[in-house]
C-alpha atoms as a PDB file:
ATOM      1  CA  MET A   1      -7.657 -36.665  -4.886  1.00  0.00           C
ATOM      2  CA  ASN A   2      -9.197 -34.946  -1.904  1.00  0.00           C
ATOM      3  CA  SER A   3     -12.817 -33.900  -2.149  1.00  0.00           C
ATOM      4  CA  VAL A   4     -14.704 -31.384  -0.087  1.00  0.00           C
ATOM      5  CA  GLY A   5     -18.401 -31.246   0.705  1.00  0.00           C
ATOM      6  CA  ILE A   6     -20.308 -27.982   0.594  1.00  0.00           C
ATOM      7  CA  ARG A   7     -23.210 -27.526   2.943  1.00  0.00           C
ATOM      8  CA  ASN A   8     -26.499 -28.190   1.216  1.00  0.00           C
ATOM      9  CA  GLY A   9     -27.617 -25.148  -0.737  1.00  0.00           C
ATOM     10  CA  ARG A  10     -24.687 -22.936   0.219  1.00  0.00           C
ATOM     11  CA  LEU A  11     -22.988 -22.889  -3.184  1.00  0.00           C
ATOM     12  CA  GLU A  12     -26.244 -22.015  -4.922  1.00  0.00           C
ATOM     13  CA  GLN A  13     -26.889 -19.279  -2.354  1.00  0.00           C
ATOM     14  CA  LEU A  14     -23.420 -17.772  -2.886  1.00  0.00           C
ATOM     15  CA  ARG A  15     -23.783 -17.979  -6.665  1.00  0.00           C
ATOM     16  CA  ARG A  16     -27.156 -16.244  -6.602  1.00  0.00           C
ATOM     17  CA  GLU A  17     -25.928 -13.541  -4.184  1.00  0.00           C
ATOM     18  CA  LYS A  18     -23.136 -12.789  -6.630  1.00  0.00           C
ATOM     19  CA  GLY A  19     -25.662 -12.623  -9.496  1.00  0.00           C
ATOM     20  CA  LEU A  20     -24.067 -15.476 -11.447  1.00  0.00           C
ATOM     21  CA  SER A  21     -25.791 -18.082 -13.562  1.00  0.00           C
ATOM     22  CA  ARG A  22     -24.483 -21.639 -13.434  1.00  0.00           C
ATOM     23  CA  ARG A  23     -22.913 -21.053 -16.844  1.00  0.00           C
ATOM     24  CA  ALA A  24     -21.198 -17.865 -15.623  1.00  0.00           C
ATOM     25  CA  LEU A  25     -19.869 -19.611 -12.522  1.00  0.00           C
ATOM     26  CA  ALA A  26     -18.530 -22.448 -14.683  1.00  0.00           C
ATOM     27  CA  ALA A  27     -16.818 -19.828 -16.874  1.00  0.00           C
ATOM     28  CA  GLN A  28     -15.244 -18.209 -13.798  1.00  0.00           C
ATOM     29  CA  LEU A  29     -13.975 -21.613 -12.683  1.00  0.00           C
ATOM     30  CA  GLN A  30     -12.557 -22.261 -16.150  1.00  0.00           C
ATOM     31  CA  LEU A  31     -10.682 -18.946 -16.027  1.00  0.00           C
ATOM     32  CA  ARG A  32      -9.019 -20.309 -12.880  1.00  0.00           C
ATOM     33  CA  GLY A  33      -7.984 -23.536 -14.582  1.00  0.00           C
ATOM     34  CA  VAL A  34     -10.871 -25.742 -13.427  1.00  0.00           C
ATOM     35  CA  ASP A  35     -12.450 -27.471 -16.425  1.00  0.00           C
ATOM     36  CA  VAL A  36     -16.142 -27.763 -15.502  1.00  0.00           C
ATOM     37  CA  GLY A  37     -19.435 -26.958 -17.191  1.00  0.00           C
ATOM     38  CA  GLN A  38     -22.776 -25.788 -15.863  1.00  0.00           C
ATOM     39  CA  GLY A  39     -23.852 -29.422 -15.339  1.00  0.00           C
ATOM     40  CA  VAL A  40     -21.014 -29.948 -12.872  1.00  0.00           C
ATOM     41  CA  VAL A  41     -21.992 -26.737 -11.079  1.00  0.00           C
ATOM     42  CA  ALA A  42     -25.555 -28.086 -10.785  1.00  0.00           C
ATOM     43  CA  ARG A  43     -24.268 -31.377  -9.315  1.00  0.00           C
ATOM     44  CA  LEU A  44     -22.046 -29.498  -6.861  1.00  0.00           C
ATOM     45  CA  GLU A  45     -25.011 -27.377  -5.776  1.00  0.00           C
ATOM     46  CA  SER A  46     -27.255 -30.400  -5.267  1.00  0.00           C
ATOM     47  CA  GLY A  47     -24.626 -32.319  -3.314  1.00  0.00           C
ATOM     48  CA  GLU A  48     -24.604 -35.061  -5.949  1.00  0.00           C
ATOM     49  CA  ARG A  49     -20.888 -34.372  -6.447  1.00  0.00           C
ATOM     50  CA  LYS A  50     -18.234 -33.171  -4.022  1.00  0.00           C
ATOM     51  CA  CYS A  51     -15.707 -30.467  -4.846  1.00  0.00           C
ATOM     52  CA  SER A  52     -12.141 -31.360  -5.591  1.00  0.00           C
ATOM     53  CA  GLN A  53      -9.511 -29.375  -3.774  1.00  0.00           C
ATOM     54  CA  ALA A  54      -8.781 -27.383  -6.946  1.00  0.00           C
ATOM     55  CA  GLU A  55     -12.488 -26.567  -7.329  1.00  0.00           C
ATOM     56  CA  SER A  56     -12.708 -25.521  -3.680  1.00  0.00           C
ATOM     57  CA  ILE A  57      -9.730 -23.193  -4.013  1.00  0.00           C
ATOM     58  CA  ALA A  58     -11.168 -21.628  -7.184  1.00  0.00           C
ATOM     59  CA  LEU A  59     -14.618 -21.221  -5.585  1.00  0.00           C
ATOM     60  CA  ALA A  60     -13.048 -19.598  -2.535  1.00  0.00           C
ATOM     61  CA  ASP A  61     -11.259 -17.152  -4.831  1.00  0.00           C
ATOM     62  CA  ILE A  62     -14.483 -16.353  -6.683  1.00  0.00           C
ATOM     63  CA  PHE A  63     -16.515 -15.842  -3.510  1.00  0.00           C
ATOM     64  CA  GLY A  64     -13.763 -14.322  -1.340  1.00  0.00           C
ATOM     65  CA  ALA A  65     -13.729 -17.119   1.219  1.00  0.00           C
ATOM     66  CA  ASP A  66     -11.102 -19.256   2.950  1.00  0.00           C
ATOM     67  CA  TRP A  67     -11.274 -22.692   1.290  1.00  0.00           C
ATOM     68  CA  GLN A  68      -9.724 -24.409   4.312  1.00  0.00           C
ATOM     69  CA  LYS A  69     -12.550 -23.485   6.710  1.00  0.00           C
END
């Protein structure tokens, strides 16, 4: 499985700009078929865990970004 790093703090910044809690972001990911909870979102934000390709694609959809850049 490919994994993608997110620049330190960027995911949290995007989430906050969109007015989402970690729980709400996890729910949005789940609606897109990515089974994660708010704890995973916290680990992604801290850099403790890298995003899978599926997570990256779903996050790009949520935040209106190109996941390949």
